[in-house]
Amino acid sequence: MITFNDALDVAMICVRKWSQNAAVTEVTLIRDVYGKVTLLIDNTTSIDDFDKDSLATILHSDMGAYFSGRVYWKKLSNSQKRMEERERIIIDLIENERIFWKVDGNIQYFLSERAIAKKAWVYRWKKAEAVWPYEEAVNGTKVITFYSFKGGMGRTTSLAGVALSLVRQGKNVMMVDTDIEAPGLATLFLDEEAITKGVLDYLIEHEINPGIPLTDFVCDIAEPSLLDEDEGQLFLMAAGKVDENYLQKLARIDYQDNRDGYLREAMKELLSAIKNNYDVDYILVDARAGFHDMGGIAVTQIPHGVVLFGNDSRQSWDGITQVLRTIAEGHEEDFPVMIVNTMCPKPTADDFAPARQRFIRKSHTICVENYYDENSKIPGIEAEGEVHFPELIPFNDELLRGIELYSDESPERKQRVSAYKSILTGESYKKIAERIGKWFGEE
């Protein structure tokens, strides 16, 4: 029985079996929201009705319910009426949105996917430009997304550590929690009373009340035990306050992009507002784990660079592989990406060296197969600074008890903040911050 996984290959085989395939130069397979396949055929000569019917018979027979019953032809026969304007518009739309798939014999095959959701992950025909040009980011505000496929990888903690490391370099940093379905970043820096509004509130309010000041959604982190006077400034835009209104606001976010491009444009407006109202060098975005729609936008459609967190597990590698593939197909070759191996053995542990080499080998293999351009020189496995060569964050059980980077001015709480600051500005997080800086020519 034909399944979703087989349908495209079977469609190609059907064309191969068809007696008139020599007249075909290109075939575009359009898979609709149900998974059914329509064909757009570019034929060098006109095909008569009998031969068209024979192809339809093969498709119905071999593909079953996965054939939509529709085939578009670019060149019509003399006996047919002139192509309707509506059909011509449809064909133009398909060709503008398709991506190259493969070559079979003398025929080139293209794909056009019509998805309901996850569009940021699967619409690879749309080249994903950053929220503003990379050249502008080099000497201005840079947007960096922190992402992990699985939860519990230390992504949010790492973002906090990198933010503090950048601040110690004198950089001004804005942290933005786009994980609005499972907020967490703000709890590291603020007590419950200090969180009033955030990203979710902005997404609701910015269209209804465009005059509301951005400062209503942003918190200035000024904990004396955390930041010194000669360091940069640190700001935080929480996901929002999880109260009795939170779910009602969350229920009004258009994740399925029914208004085409709405969520990306809303996030673009938010980041542009931050850039225009705050003198920050970096905007660090905490993205939703998994293949979430908001996470897809945060990873593929707005940043100037992405930091991917994972460990040496099958689940983690499966996610990293898909994300690297999406980034490679939607961006230019030099788009900055970093892989971080989290919760790995400490450098002093006996199993550190073999675990590190195992992770590097796996990372290199995945990047060669899914990310690096086969037409360019593939970096060697020990090439530091390349996408596959990871930064390391060893497991630290002191962080398992929860992180609080704010105090009530009592000596005990201030000492606790200082202890966490010491961990989060350690060598591991500092290296990630330095490597991000090198993406933009900073030393």
Foldseek 3Di string as FASTA:
>chain_A
DDDLVCQVVQLVVLLVPQPPNVQFQEWEWEQAAVSATEIETEGNDADDPVSVVVSLVSCCVRNPPSHPSHYHYPDHDPPDDDDDPVSVVVVVVQVQQWAWDQDDDNYTYIYHYHHQFLCLQPSLSAQAAALDHPVCLLPAEFEEEFAFQDPPLCRLVLLVLLCLLQQQVQFEEEEAEPQLVDWDNVQQQDDQVVFAFADLVLLVCCVVPVPDAPVVQKDWRDFPLQDDPRTYTYMYRTSGRPDPCSVVSVVPDCRSCPVPCSVLVSVSVSVVSCRVPPRGSYYYYYAHHHSGSRNSCSLRHHGQEYEYTDAPDPSRLVVVLSSLQSNQSNYDLLRHYAYEHEQAADPPDPCRVVRLLVQLVSLLVSCVVRHHDPVDDRDDSPDPLDRSRHQYHHDDVVCVVDHHLHDPPDPVRSVSNNVSSPSSNDDRSSVVSVSVSVSSPHD
